[in-house]
Amino acid sequence: MSQENLIKLECTECHRVNYFSKKNKKLKGRLELKKFCEWCESHKSHKETK
C-alpha cells in the first residue's frame, strides 16, 4: 500500500490501533467504521487517527 493513502483506525473504547486502511483523499472529515476489536472482544466503532 502507498504510504500517502494509508490511515490508522483506532478503537473508540480502548484507544488501540487495530487496523490500517486506504482513504479517498477527496473525502473531508475523519473516517469512522464499525470493526472487531481484539482487546474489547466485540464490534466497536473505529475512528481515523493522524
Protein backbone atom coordinates (compact mmCIF):
# COMPACT_ATOMS: atom_id res chain seq x y z
CA MET A 1 0.00 0.00 0.00
CA SER A 2 1.10 3.52 -0.70
CA GLN A 3 2.12 5.41 2.45
CA GLU A 4 0.34 8.62 1.44
CA ASN A 5 -3.12 6.99 1.34
CA LEU A 6 -2.62 4.86 4.46
CA ILE A 7 -4.66 5.73 7.56
CA LYS A 8 -4.79 4.19 11.04
CA LEU A 9 -8.08 3.15 12.64
CA GLU A 10 -8.24 3.39 16.44
CA CYS A 11 -10.86 1.82 18.73
CA THR A 12 -13.01 4.45 20.45
CA GLU A 13 -13.26 2.34 23.64
CA CYS A 14 -9.71 1.12 24.38
CA HIS A 15 -7.82 3.56 22.06
CA ARG A 16 -5.64 0.89 20.45
CA VAL A 17 -4.71 0.96 16.77
CA ASN A 18 -6.12 -2.25 15.28
CA TYR A 19 -6.47 -1.61 11.54
CA PHE A 20 -4.83 0.17 8.61
CA SER A 21 -6.83 1.18 5.56
CA LYS A 22 -6.88 3.41 2.48
CA LYS A 23 -8.93 6.58 2.20
CA ASN A 24 -10.08 8.61 -0.78
CA LYS A 25 -8.29 11.97 -0.47
CA LYS A 26 -11.37 13.85 -1.74
CA LEU A 27 -13.35 12.95 1.41
CA LYS A 28 -13.40 15.61 4.10
CA GLY A 29 -13.53 14.75 7.77
CA ARG A 30 -12.45 11.59 9.56
CA LEU A 31 -13.46 8.11 8.53
CA GLU A 32 -15.40 6.01 11.08
CA LEU A 33 -16.05 2.29 10.64
CA LYS A 34 -17.51 -0.43 12.83
CA LYS A 35 -14.82 -3.12 13.19
CA PHE A 36 -13.99 -6.00 15.54
CA CYS A 37 -11.64 -5.05 18.39
CA GLU A 38 -9.43 -7.90 19.62
CA TRP A 39 -8.97 -6.40 23.09
CA CYS A 40 -12.62 -5.43 23.72
CA GLU A 41 -13.69 -8.73 22.06
CA SER A 42 -16.67 -7.13 20.33
CA HIS A 43 -17.55 -4.90 17.40
CA LYS A 44 -16.79 -1.27 18.22
CA SER A 45 -16.57 1.98 16.34
CA HIS A 46 -13.06 2.74 14.99
CA LYS A 47 -12.07 6.30 14.03
CA GLU A 48 -9.30 7.57 11.81
CA THR A 49 -6.24 8.91 13.64
CA LYS A 50 -3.33 11.06 12.48
